[in-house]
Amino acid sequence: MSDGEAVTFKAVELDHPELGPEAQASPQVDPPQTSALPQPQNWTDSRVAAGQWSSAMDQFKLKRFFVLRPGTLNQALQDIHALVDPKEDGPVQSAWLMAEVDHWNNERERVVLITENSLLLCKYDFVMLNCEQIQRIPLNFIDRISYGNFIFPQRSLLKREEDGVRVFWDRLREPSFATRWNPFATDYPFSTFTYHPVRNTDEKFTALCEIQTFREKLTEAAQKAHLRKPIPGKANGVLVLNQPLLIEAYVGLMSFIGNQNKLGYSLARGNIGF
């Protein structure tokens, strides 16, 4: 074909008279397969995952307590039992693991023993496996046991969620003004206890840290001690009250820092120990 010739095109009809409408119809083509998009995670799954993460973190924090190391608590109880005076204290009836709360809201780890004649408050070093101090309170001196939630003065910046138990052994003696404002004072006529942080580790520690059962056992032992050894000139018996436990602390910066970092407990702290 030369360049000068005109180029023409003819339209061609594709319909064939002998083909039916079914044959003339265009073939059906399947739509392209697309990969399934991930469905957004619902809120329930998110809460479950967050709960599992929180539980794992709590378990990690609990493992830092030396009292949870295998054999540590049994060794502590053996050491403290060896220091019990059979004549003065009598046989040991029960042992408890608690946190003692002082008048400035500071927590301190304590092993508490109830014997036939005494209440023993033991400061035990679970790192060095050594009993550093024992406070002995005759059961027939205990005259009042209060239990309930913790409260603070109206303008206080502190708060404490859990319940506690307060044991009084001299209801006639009130702390002096100097004692109230001395964070290191130890001559208070009462002691206050609350739950130890490891109480939910397992059933064994749950039973050891249950303060309500401790209150019942202590009340029973003190009532029996009053009957065996009454104190002349003093009302015998134990008064049990369900009332809020007042802690007269206002700012409590020292207790806030100490309680947040668990400075009153035998805790693994890396290269720094308290």
C-alpha atoms as a PDB file:
ATOM      1  CA  MET A   1       0.000   0.000   0.000  1.00  0.00           C
ATOM      2  CA  SER A   2       1.405   3.319  -1.075  1.00  0.00           C
ATOM      3  CA  ASP A   3       1.426   6.423   1.038  1.00  0.00           C
ATOM      4  CA  GLY A   4      -0.986   8.156  -1.307  1.00  0.00           C
ATOM      5  CA  GLU A   5      -3.754   5.641  -1.054  1.00  0.00           C
ATOM      6  CA  ALA A   6      -6.528   6.277   1.408  1.00  0.00           C
ATOM      7  CA  VAL A   7      -6.845   3.792   4.218  1.00  0.00           C
ATOM      8  CA  THR A   8     -10.368   2.693   5.072  1.00  0.00           C
ATOM      9  CA  PHE A   9     -11.601   0.335   7.790  1.00  0.00           C
ATOM     10  CA  LYS A  10     -14.826  -1.634   7.848  1.00  0.00           C
ATOM     11  CA  ALA A  11     -16.803  -2.334  10.942  1.00  0.00           C
ATOM     12  CA  VAL A  12     -17.299  -6.023  11.514  1.00  0.00           C
ATOM     13  CA  GLU A  13     -20.380  -7.313  13.319  1.00  0.00           C
ATOM     14  CA  LEU A  14     -19.450 -10.038  15.811  1.00  0.00           C
ATOM     15  CA  ASP A  15     -23.023 -11.276  16.274  1.00  0.00           C
ATOM     16  CA  HIS A  16     -23.663 -14.510  14.492  1.00  0.00           C
ATOM     17  CA  PRO A  17     -27.220 -15.344  13.496  1.00  0.00           C
ATOM     18  CA  GLU A  18     -26.786 -19.013  14.339  1.00  0.00           C
ATOM     19  CA  LEU A  19     -25.631 -18.387  17.916  1.00  0.00           C
ATOM     20  CA  GLY A  20     -28.232 -18.124  20.636  1.00  0.00           C
ATOM     21  CA  PRO A  21     -28.441 -15.439  23.252  1.00  0.00           C
ATOM     22  CA  GLU A  22     -26.639 -17.642  25.764  1.00  0.00           C
ATOM     23  CA  ALA A  23     -23.664 -18.091  23.484  1.00  0.00           C
ATOM     24  CA  GLN A  24     -23.596 -14.411  22.638  1.00  0.00           C
ATOM     25  CA  ALA A  25     -23.551 -13.366  26.276  1.00  0.00           C
ATOM     26  CA  SER A  26     -20.183 -12.378  27.645  1.00  0.00           C
ATOM     27  CA  PRO A  27     -18.575 -14.987  29.887  1.00  0.00           C
ATOM     28  CA  GLN A  28     -18.789 -14.412  33.633  1.00  0.00           C
ATOM     29  CA  VAL A  29     -15.498 -13.529  35.226  1.00  0.00           C
ATOM     30  CA  ASP A  30     -14.970 -14.172  38.927  1.00  0.00           C
ATOM     31  CA  PRO A  31     -14.019 -11.093  40.933  1.00  0.00           C
ATOM     32  CA  PRO A  32     -10.369 -10.943  42.001  1.00  0.00           C
ATOM     33  CA  GLN A  33      -9.625 -12.571  45.310  1.00  0.00           C
ATOM     34  CA  THR A  34      -8.638 -10.098  47.993  1.00  0.00           C
ATOM     35  CA  SER A  35      -6.934 -11.000  51.198  1.00  0.00           C
ATOM     36  CA  ALA A  36      -9.121 -10.749  54.301  1.00  0.00           C
ATOM     37  CA  LEU A  37      -8.445  -7.591  56.236  1.00  0.00           C
ATOM     38  CA  PRO A  38      -7.803  -8.016  59.963  1.00  0.00           C
ATOM     39  CA  GLN A  39     -10.810  -7.110  62.032  1.00  0.00           C
ATOM     40  CA  PRO A  40     -10.279  -4.454  64.666  1.00  0.00           C
ATOM     41  CA  GLN A  41      -9.819  -5.878  68.153  1.00  0.00           C
ATOM     42  CA  ASN A  42     -12.855  -5.292  70.315  1.00  0.00           C
ATOM     43  CA  TRP A  43     -12.733  -3.621  73.712  1.00  0.00           C
ATOM     44  CA  THR A  44     -13.220  -6.885  75.576  1.00  0.00           C
ATOM     45  CA  ASP A  45     -10.058  -8.387  74.092  1.00  0.00           C
ATOM     46  CA  SER A  46      -8.180  -5.184  74.873  1.00  0.00           C
ATOM     47  CA  ARG A  47      -9.260  -5.301  78.486  1.00  0.00           C
ATOM     48  CA  VAL A  48      -8.287  -8.972  78.746  1.00  0.00           C
ATOM     49  CA  ALA A  49      -4.854  -8.257  77.276  1.00  0.00           C
ATOM     50  CA  ALA A  50      -4.389  -5.295  79.604  1.00  0.00           C
ATOM     51  CA  GLY A  51      -5.432  -7.449  82.558  1.00  0.00           C
ATOM     52  CA  GLN A  52      -2.947 -10.152  81.599  1.00  0.00           C
ATOM     53  CA  TRP A  53      -0.185  -7.565  81.272  1.00  0.00           C
ATOM     54  CA  SER A  54      -1.080  -6.054  84.643  1.00  0.00           C
ATOM     55  CA  SER A  55      -1.132  -9.505  86.227  1.00  0.00           C
ATOM     56  CA  ALA A  56       2.285 -10.316  84.762  1.00  0.00           C
ATOM     57  CA  MET A  57       3.697  -7.059  86.095  1.00  0.00           C
ATOM     58  CA  ASP A  58       2.233  -7.732  89.519  1.00  0.00           C
ATOM     59  CA  GLN A  59       3.782 -11.195  89.565  1.00  0.00           C
ATOM     60  CA  PHE A  60       7.138  -9.706  88.594  1.00  0.00           C
ATOM     61  CA  LYS A  61       6.923  -7.163  91.429  1.00  0.00           C
ATOM     62  CA  LEU A  62       5.923  -9.819  93.957  1.00  0.00           C
ATOM     63  CA  LYS A  63       8.947 -11.956  93.114  1.00  0.00           C
ATOM     64  CA  ARG A  64      11.167  -9.170  94.467  1.00  0.00           C
ATOM     65  CA  PHE A  65      10.014  -9.856  98.049  1.00  0.00           C
ATOM     66  CA  PHE A  66      12.554 -12.027  99.824  1.00  0.00           C
ATOM     67  CA  VAL A  67       9.837 -13.573 101.980  1.00  0.00           C
ATOM     68  CA  LEU A  68       8.643 -15.432  98.860  1.00  0.00           C
ATOM     69  CA  ARG A  69      11.994 -17.111  98.248  1.00  0.00           C
ATOM     70  CA  PRO A  70      11.721 -20.870  98.837  1.00  0.00           C
ATOM     71  CA  GLY A  71      12.428 -21.768 102.466  1.00  0.00           C
ATOM     72  CA  THR A  72      12.847 -18.153 103.629  1.00  0.00           C
ATOM     73  CA  LEU A  73       9.633 -17.902 105.632  1.00  0.00           C
ATOM     74  CA  ASN A  74      10.134 -21.313 107.235  1.00  0.00           C
ATOM     75  CA  GLN A  75      13.646 -20.300 108.288  1.00  0.00           C
ATOM     76  CA  ALA A  76      12.296 -17.066 109.756  1.00  0.00           C
ATOM     77  CA  LEU A  77       9.675 -18.889 111.799  1.00  0.00           C
ATOM     78  CA  GLN A  78      12.285 -21.328 113.102  1.00  0.00           C
ATOM     79  CA  ASP A  79      14.592 -18.480 114.134  1.00  0.00           C
ATOM     80  CA  ILE A  80      11.801 -16.619 115.909  1.00  0.00           C
ATOM     81  CA  HIS A  81      10.480 -19.756 117.621  1.00  0.00           C
ATOM     82  CA  ALA A  82      13.949 -20.270 119.070  1.00  0.00           C
ATOM     83  CA  LEU A  83      13.730 -16.814 120.710  1.00  0.00           C
ATOM     84  CA  VAL A  84      10.389 -17.473 122.404  1.00  0.00           C
ATOM     85  CA  ASP A  85      10.686 -17.827 126.188  1.00  0.00           C
ATOM     86  CA  PRO A  86       8.684 -20.922 127.188  1.00  0.00           C
ATOM     87  CA  LYS A  87       8.195 -19.696 130.766  1.00  0.00           C
ATOM     88  CA  GLU A  88       7.226 -16.112 130.004  1.00  0.00           C
ATOM     89  CA  ASP A  89       5.485 -16.525 126.652  1.00  0.00           C
ATOM     90  CA  GLY A  90       4.236 -20.097 126.709  1.00  0.00           C
ATOM     91  CA  PRO A  91       3.696 -22.215 123.586  1.00  0.00           C
ATOM     92  CA  VAL A  92       3.201 -20.562 120.208  1.00  0.00           C
ATOM     93  CA  GLN A  93      -0.401 -20.682 118.999  1.00  0.00           C
ATOM     94  CA  SER A  94      -0.206 -18.982 115.598  1.00  0.00           C
ATOM     95  CA  ALA A  95       2.093 -16.969 113.334  1.00  0.00           C
ATOM     96  CA  TRP A  96       1.215 -14.162 110.953  1.00  0.00           C
ATOM     97  CA  LEU A  97       2.850 -12.068 108.236  1.00  0.00           C
ATOM     98  CA  MET A  98       1.697  -8.454 108.270  1.00  0.00           C
ATOM     99  CA  ALA A  99       2.543  -4.842 107.629  1.00  0.00           C
ATOM    100  CA  GLU A 100       2.711  -2.554 110.643  1.00  0.00           C
ATOM    101  CA  VAL A 101       1.583   1.044 110.066  1.00  0.00           C
ATOM    102  CA  ASP A 102       3.041   3.657 112.387  1.00  0.00           C
ATOM    103  CA  HIS A 103       1.578   7.027 113.421  1.00  0.00           C
ATOM    104  CA  TRP A 104       3.125   8.694 110.351  1.00  0.00           C
ATOM    105  CA  ASN A 105       1.645   6.136 107.913  1.00  0.00           C
ATOM    106  CA  ASN A 106       4.937   4.311 107.331  1.00  0.00           C
ATOM    107  CA  GLU A 107       4.675   0.594 106.536  1.00  0.00           C
ATOM    108  CA  ARG A 108       7.069  -1.957 108.000  1.00  0.00           C
ATOM    109  CA  GLU A 109       7.212  -5.694 107.442  1.00  0.00           C
ATOM    110  CA  ARG A 110       6.479  -7.728 110.575  1.00  0.00           C
ATOM    111  CA  VAL A 111       6.201 -11.352 111.628  1.00  0.00           C
ATOM    112  CA  VAL A 112       3.643 -11.548 114.446  1.00  0.00           C
ATOM    113  CA  LEU A 113       3.334 -14.449 116.864  1.00  0.00           C
ATOM    114  CA  ILE A 114       0.480 -15.140 119.263  1.00  0.00           C
ATOM    115  CA  THR A 115       1.582 -17.282 122.171  1.00  0.00           C
ATOM    116  CA  GLU A 116      -0.293 -18.400 125.243  1.00  0.00           C
ATOM    117  CA  ASN A 117       0.754 -15.322 127.235  1.00  0.00           C
ATOM    118  CA  SER A 118       2.250 -12.796 124.793  1.00  0.00           C
ATOM    119  CA  LEU A 119       1.903 -10.996 121.510  1.00  0.00           C
ATOM    120  CA  LEU A 120       5.309 -10.879 119.796  1.00  0.00           C
ATOM    121  CA  LEU A 121       6.007  -8.276 117.090  1.00  0.00           C
ATOM    122  CA  CYS A 122       9.160  -9.337 115.261  1.00  0.00           C
ATOM    123  CA  LYS A 123      11.271  -7.268 112.909  1.00  0.00           C
ATOM    124  CA  TYR A 124      12.939  -9.895 110.740  1.00  0.00           C
ATOM    125  CA  ASP A 125      15.516  -9.325 108.026  1.00  0.00           C
ATOM    126  CA  PHE A 126      14.586 -11.777 105.258  1.00  0.00           C
ATOM    127  CA  VAL A 127      17.770 -10.892 103.366  1.00  0.00           C
ATOM    128  CA  MET A 128      20.252 -11.780 106.113  1.00  0.00           C
ATOM    129  CA  LEU A 129      17.847 -14.235 107.820  1.00  0.00           C
ATOM    130  CA  ASN A 130      18.194 -12.496 111.162  1.00  0.00           C
ATOM    131  CA  CYS A 131      15.656 -11.374 113.762  1.00  0.00           C
ATOM    132  CA  GLU A 132      16.632  -7.794 114.574  1.00  0.00           C
ATOM    133  CA  GLN A 133      14.033  -6.866 117.182  1.00  0.00           C
ATOM    134  CA  ILE A 134      11.155  -8.351 119.199  1.00  0.00           C
ATOM    135  CA  GLN A 135       8.501  -6.323 120.969  1.00  0.00           C
ATOM    136  CA  ARG A 136       6.735  -8.360 123.635  1.00  0.00           C
ATOM    137  CA  ILE A 137       3.230  -7.375 124.751  1.00  0.00           C
ATOM    138  CA  PRO A 138       1.559  -9.418 127.530  1.00  0.00           C
ATOM    139  CA  LEU A 139      -1.869 -10.560 126.399  1.00  0.00           C
ATOM    140  CA  ASN A 140      -3.470  -9.648 129.726  1.00  0.00           C
ATOM    141  CA  PHE A 141      -2.392  -6.036 129.093  1.00  0.00           C
ATOM    142  CA  ILE A 142      -4.438  -5.818 125.874  1.00  0.00           C
ATOM    143  CA  ASP A 143      -7.683  -4.012 126.673  1.00  0.00           C
ATOM    144  CA  ARG A 144      -9.035  -2.945 123.280  1.00  0.00           C
ATOM    145  CA  ILE A 145      -8.947  -4.140 119.666  1.00  0.00           C
ATOM    146  CA  SER A 146     -10.339  -1.909 116.898  1.00  0.00           C
ATOM    147  CA  TYR A 147     -10.785  -2.848 113.272  1.00  0.00           C
ATOM    148  CA  GLY A 148     -12.047  -0.949 110.239  1.00  0.00           C
ATOM    149  CA  ASN A 149     -10.917   1.308 107.420  1.00  0.00           C
ATOM    150  CA  PHE A 150      -8.205   3.936 107.735  1.00  0.00           C
ATOM    151  CA  ILE A 151      -9.075   7.614 107.949  1.00  0.00           C
ATOM    152  CA  PHE A 152      -6.971  10.793 108.052  1.00  0.00           C
ATOM    153  CA  PRO A 153      -7.619  14.357 109.221  1.00  0.00           C
ATOM    154  CA  GLN A 154      -9.824  16.467 106.985  1.00  0.00           C
ATOM    155  CA  ARG A 155      -6.979  18.453 105.430  1.00  0.00           C
ATOM    156  CA  SER A 156      -4.603  15.536 105.078  1.00  0.00           C
ATOM    157  CA  LEU A 157      -3.175  14.691 101.665  1.00  0.00           C
ATOM    158  CA  LEU A 158      -2.819  11.008 102.521  1.00  0.00           C
ATOM    159  CA  LYS A 159      -5.147   8.094 101.987  1.00  0.00           C
ATOM    160  CA  ARG A 160      -5.102   4.335 102.514  1.00  0.00           C
ATOM    161  CA  GLU A 161      -7.607   2.011 100.905  1.00  0.00           C
ATOM    162  CA  GLU A 162      -7.313  -1.224 102.885  1.00  0.00           C
ATOM    163  CA  ASP A 163      -8.710  -2.137 106.276  1.00  0.00           C
ATOM    164  CA  GLY A 164      -6.622  -2.621 109.385  1.00  0.00           C
ATOM    165  CA  VAL A 165      -6.526  -3.769 113.000  1.00  0.00           C
ATOM    166  CA  ARG A 166      -5.295  -1.683 115.946  1.00  0.00           C
ATOM    167  CA  VAL A 167      -4.304  -3.310 119.245  1.00  0.00           C
ATOM    168  CA  PHE A 168      -4.317  -1.185 122.438  1.00  0.00           C
ATOM    169  CA  TRP A 169      -2.639  -2.229 125.679  1.00  0.00           C
ATOM    170  CA  ASP A 170      -2.934   0.938 127.791  1.00  0.00           C
ATOM    171  CA  ARG A 171      -6.146   2.815 127.176  1.00  0.00           C
ATOM    172  CA  LEU A 172      -5.455   5.302 129.960  1.00  0.00           C
ATOM    173  CA  ARG A 173      -2.207   6.598 128.446  1.00  0.00           C
ATOM    174  CA  GLU A 174      -2.459   9.014 125.545  1.00  0.00           C
ATOM    175  CA  PRO A 175       0.544   9.891 123.351  1.00  0.00           C
ATOM    176  CA  SER A 176       2.111  13.219 124.185  1.00  0.00           C
ATOM    177  CA  PHE A 177       2.390  16.125 121.748  1.00  0.00           C
ATOM    178  CA  ALA A 178       6.103  15.477 121.231  1.00  0.00           C
ATOM    179  CA  THR A 179       5.413  11.807 120.515  1.00  0.00           C
ATOM    180  CA  ARG A 180       2.746  12.602 117.938  1.00  0.00           C
ATOM    181  CA  TRP A 181       5.112  14.818 115.944  1.00  0.00           C
ATOM    182  CA  ASN A 182       8.154  12.600 116.248  1.00  0.00           C
ATOM    183  CA  PRO A 183       8.305  10.252 113.243  1.00  0.00           C
ATOM    184  CA  PHE A 184      10.736   7.971 115.093  1.00  0.00           C
ATOM    185  CA  ALA A 185       8.702   7.643 118.302  1.00  0.00           C
ATOM    186  CA  THR A 186       8.146   4.059 119.451  1.00  0.00           C
ATOM    187  CA  ASP A 187       6.399   4.579 122.790  1.00  0.00           C
ATOM    188  CA  TYR A 188       2.847   4.520 121.429  1.00  0.00           C
ATOM    189  CA  PRO A 189       0.434   2.402 123.526  1.00  0.00           C
ATOM    190  CA  PHE A 190      -0.917   0.632 120.449  1.00  0.00           C
ATOM    191  CA  SER A 191       0.132  -1.023 117.214  1.00  0.00           C
ATOM    192  CA  THR A 192      -1.672  -0.931 113.876  1.00  0.00           C
ATOM    193  CA  PHE A 193      -1.567  -3.679 111.253  1.00  0.00           C
ATOM    194  CA  THR A 194      -2.746  -4.077 107.698  1.00  0.00           C
ATOM    195  CA  TYR A 195      -2.351  -6.589 104.884  1.00  0.00           C
ATOM    196  CA  HIS A 196       1.080  -7.580 103.620  1.00  0.00           C
ATOM    197  CA  PRO A 197       1.533  -6.967  99.852  1.00  0.00           C
ATOM    198  CA  VAL A 198       2.138 -10.692  99.152  1.00  0.00           C
ATOM    199  CA  ARG A 199      -1.193 -11.847 100.593  1.00  0.00           C
ATOM    200  CA  ASN A 200      -2.627 -12.822  97.179  1.00  0.00           C
ATOM    201  CA  THR A 201       0.349 -14.898  96.076  1.00  0.00           C
ATOM    202  CA  ASP A 202      -1.182 -18.248  97.015  1.00  0.00           C
ATOM    203  CA  GLU A 203      -3.459 -19.838  99.604  1.00  0.00           C
ATOM    204  CA  LYS A 204      -0.664 -20.208 102.135  1.00  0.00           C
ATOM    205  CA  PHE A 205       0.186 -16.508 102.199  1.00  0.00           C
ATOM    206  CA  THR A 206      -3.479 -15.544 102.038  1.00  0.00           C
ATOM    207  CA  ALA A 207      -4.035 -17.398 105.309  1.00  0.00           C
ATOM    208  CA  LEU A 208      -0.874 -15.951 106.909  1.00  0.00           C
ATOM    209  CA  CYS A 209      -1.827 -12.372 106.009  1.00  0.00           C
ATOM    210  CA  GLU A 210      -5.540 -12.432 106.865  1.00  0.00           C
ATOM    211  CA  ILE A 211      -5.926  -9.720 109.492  1.00  0.00           C
ATOM    212  CA  GLN A 212      -9.556 -10.495 110.324  1.00  0.00           C
ATOM    213  CA  THR A 213      -8.662 -14.040 111.332  1.00  0.00           C
ATOM    214  CA  PHE A 214      -5.713 -12.608 113.255  1.00  0.00           C
ATOM    215  CA  ARG A 215      -8.086 -10.308 115.116  1.00  0.00           C
ATOM    216  CA  GLU A 216     -10.330 -13.217 116.094  1.00  0.00           C
ATOM    217  CA  LYS A 217      -7.427 -15.371 117.290  1.00  0.00           C
ATOM    218  CA  LEU A 218      -5.875 -12.494 119.226  1.00  0.00           C
ATOM    219  CA  THR A 219      -9.181 -11.617 120.915  1.00  0.00           C
ATOM    220  CA  GLU A 220      -9.675 -15.212 121.978  1.00  0.00           C
ATOM    221  CA  ALA A 221      -6.111 -15.539 123.335  1.00  0.00           C
ATOM    222  CA  ALA A 222      -6.314 -12.205 125.189  1.00  0.00           C
ATOM    223  CA  GLN A 223      -9.632 -13.114 126.824  1.00  0.00           C
ATOM    224  CA  LYS A 224      -8.132 -16.347 128.124  1.00  0.00           C
ATOM    225  CA  ALA A 225      -5.047 -14.507 129.394  1.00  0.00           C
ATOM    226  CA  HIS A 226      -7.245 -12.056 131.322  1.00  0.00           C
ATOM    227  CA  LEU A 227      -8.993 -14.988 132.998  1.00  0.00           C
ATOM    228  CA  ARG A 228      -5.730 -16.698 133.932  1.00  0.00           C
ATOM    229  CA  LYS A 229      -3.834 -13.590 135.048  1.00  0.00           C
ATOM    230  CA  PRO A 230      -6.165 -10.715 135.938  1.00  0.00           C
ATOM    231  CA  ILE A 231      -4.515  -7.370 136.661  1.00  0.00           C
ATOM    232  CA  PRO A 232      -5.577  -5.828 140.010  1.00  0.00           C
ATOM    233  CA  GLY A 233      -7.244  -2.440 139.684  1.00  0.00           C
ATOM    234  CA  LYS A 234      -7.822  -2.810 135.958  1.00  0.00           C
ATOM    235  CA  ALA A 235     -10.959  -3.837 134.123  1.00  0.00           C
ATOM    236  CA  ASN A 236     -10.383  -7.334 132.829  1.00  0.00           C
ATOM    237  CA  GLY A 237     -11.466  -8.324 129.363  1.00  0.00           C
ATOM    238  CA  VAL A 238     -11.002  -7.084 125.819  1.00  0.00           C
ATOM    239  CA  LEU A 239     -13.239  -4.509 124.168  1.00  0.00           C
ATOM    240  CA  VAL A 240     -13.626  -5.151 120.429  1.00  0.00           C
ATOM    241  CA  LEU A 241     -14.792  -2.189 118.341  1.00  0.00           C
ATOM    242  CA  ASN A 242     -15.623  -1.821 114.677  1.00  0.00           C
ATOM    243  CA  GLN A 243     -14.586   1.767 113.987  1.00  0.00           C
ATOM    244  CA  PRO A 244     -12.323   3.772 111.628  1.00  0.00           C
ATOM    245  CA  LEU A 245      -8.627   3.846 112.460  1.00  0.00           C
ATOM    246  CA  LEU A 246      -7.359   7.423 112.586  1.00  0.00           C
ATOM    247  CA  ILE A 247      -3.809   8.226 111.464  1.00  0.00           C
ATOM    248  CA  GLU A 248      -2.948  11.814 112.376  1.00  0.00           C
ATOM    249  CA  ALA A 249      -0.655  12.553 109.458  1.00  0.00           C
ATOM    250  CA  TYR A 250      -1.158  15.435 107.049  1.00  0.00           C
ATOM    251  CA  VAL A 251       1.490  15.699 104.333  1.00  0.00           C
ATOM    252  CA  GLY A 252       3.465  12.513 104.841  1.00  0.00           C
ATOM    253  CA  LEU A 253       6.052  13.016 102.098  1.00  0.00           C
ATOM    254  CA  MET A 254       8.445  10.623 103.799  1.00  0.00           C
ATOM    255  CA  SER A 255       5.800   7.921 104.152  1.00  0.00           C
ATOM    256  CA  PHE A 256       4.652   8.413 100.549  1.00  0.00           C
ATOM    257  CA  ILE A 257       8.157   7.865  99.201  1.00  0.00           C
ATOM    258  CA  GLY A 258       8.842   4.987 101.569  1.00  0.00           C
ATOM    259  CA  ASN A 259       5.574   3.159 100.931  1.00  0.00           C
ATOM    260  CA  GLN A 260       5.738   3.577  97.167  1.00  0.00           C
ATOM    261  CA  ASN A 261       9.235   2.080  97.109  1.00  0.00           C
ATOM    262  CA  LYS A 262       8.461  -0.507  99.827  1.00  0.00           C
ATOM    263  CA  LEU A 263      11.403   0.663 101.940  1.00  0.00           C
ATOM    264  CA  GLY A 264       9.962  -1.084 104.985  1.00  0.00           C
ATOM    265  CA  TYR A 265      10.204  -4.522 103.346  1.00  0.00           C
ATOM    266  CA  SER A 266      13.020  -6.919 102.531  1.00  0.00           C
ATOM    267  CA  LEU A 267      13.015  -6.391  98.794  1.00  0.00           C
ATOM    268  CA  ALA A 268      15.415  -7.098  95.937  1.00  0.00           C
ATOM    269  CA  ARG A 269      16.551  -3.670  94.728  1.00  0.00           C
ATOM    270  CA  GLY A 270      19.264  -4.398  92.205  1.00  0.00           C
ATOM    271  CA  ASN A 271      22.594  -2.946  93.257  1.00  0.00           C
ATOM    272  CA  ILE A 272      21.042  -0.744  95.964  1.00  0.00           C
ATOM    273  CA  GLY A 273      19.644  -2.122  99.189  1.00  0.00           C
ATOM    274  CA  PHE A 274      17.899  -0.539 102.146  1.00  0.00           C
END
